[in-house]
Amino acid sequence: MNPHQSAAVVRIAAPFLLMANAALQIFRARRYSWRARMTVVVCCLVAVLLPINGLAVFEYFTGVVGEISVTLALLLICVMISQLIDIRILPGRDLSAIACALAVAGLVLYPPAMGLVSADIYRLGYQPTALLLVLIALALWAWASKRNMAAFAVLIAVAAFDLRLLESDNLWDYLTDPLLTFWAWGWVLSWLCACVWRRAHRFRRLEGV
C-alpha cells in the first residue's frame, strides 16, 4: 500500500469509526447480539462510502475536520472492539496516561499556532530527533509502569510516521489532532473535577465525624 492509498484509508477510517462507535453505543445499551452489532458496523462503513453530489460522505468529513491522527484512530478502534466483544481493550490507567500526555502536547502546540507564543514547537516534528527521544522515554515509562497499551500506542504512531501512512511529513500530525486535543482537555478537566469533588466529600465526612 503506497502513502496515497494509506492516507485514503485513514480518511475513510475517521468518519467510519466515529459513526460506528456512536451507533454501537446505542445498540449496546439495548443489549443487541454480537451479530447485530457487526451488521451496524458494516452499515456504517457503507454509509461513509455513499456518494452525495459526486463526493463520498467521508470526503465531506475530511473537508471540514481534516485528517485525524494515528493515535485517535487507534483509540477509536479500541473503543469499537470493546463495544463489539464487551471486553475493555484500553485500561483506565493507560487511557489516563494518554489523555494527560495529549493535553500537555496540546498546550505546547496550539498557543504558538494561535500566535500567543513565539516558539514554533510544531516545526520540530519535521526533523523529530528530539521529539523521538521524548517519545521513547514516554514509551519506556509507560512500559515500566505497566501501561502497556499506552506504550503500544506511542510505538504505533512512530511506526506510522516512519512508513508515512498519512499525507503529512510532520510527526506531530501522527500523534495528535484538534479533535483528540479537545478530548484530552475534557478528560483531564473531568478528572480534576472528580478529584476535587472526592476531596470535598471526604472533608465533609470528616467534619461530620
Foldseek 3Di string as FASTA:
>chain_A
DALVVLQVVQLLLVQLLVQLLVVLVVVVVVPDALVVSVVSSVVSSVQQQDDDPRRGNSVVVCVVFNGAAQLVSVVSVQSNVCSNPVDRPADPVLVLLLLVVLLVVCVVAVCVVVVNDVDHPQVCQLVVPVVVVVLVVSLVVCVVVVNNVNSVSSVVLVVCQVSNNHVDVGSVRNSGGPVSNVVSVVVVVVVVVVVVVVVVVVVVVVVVD
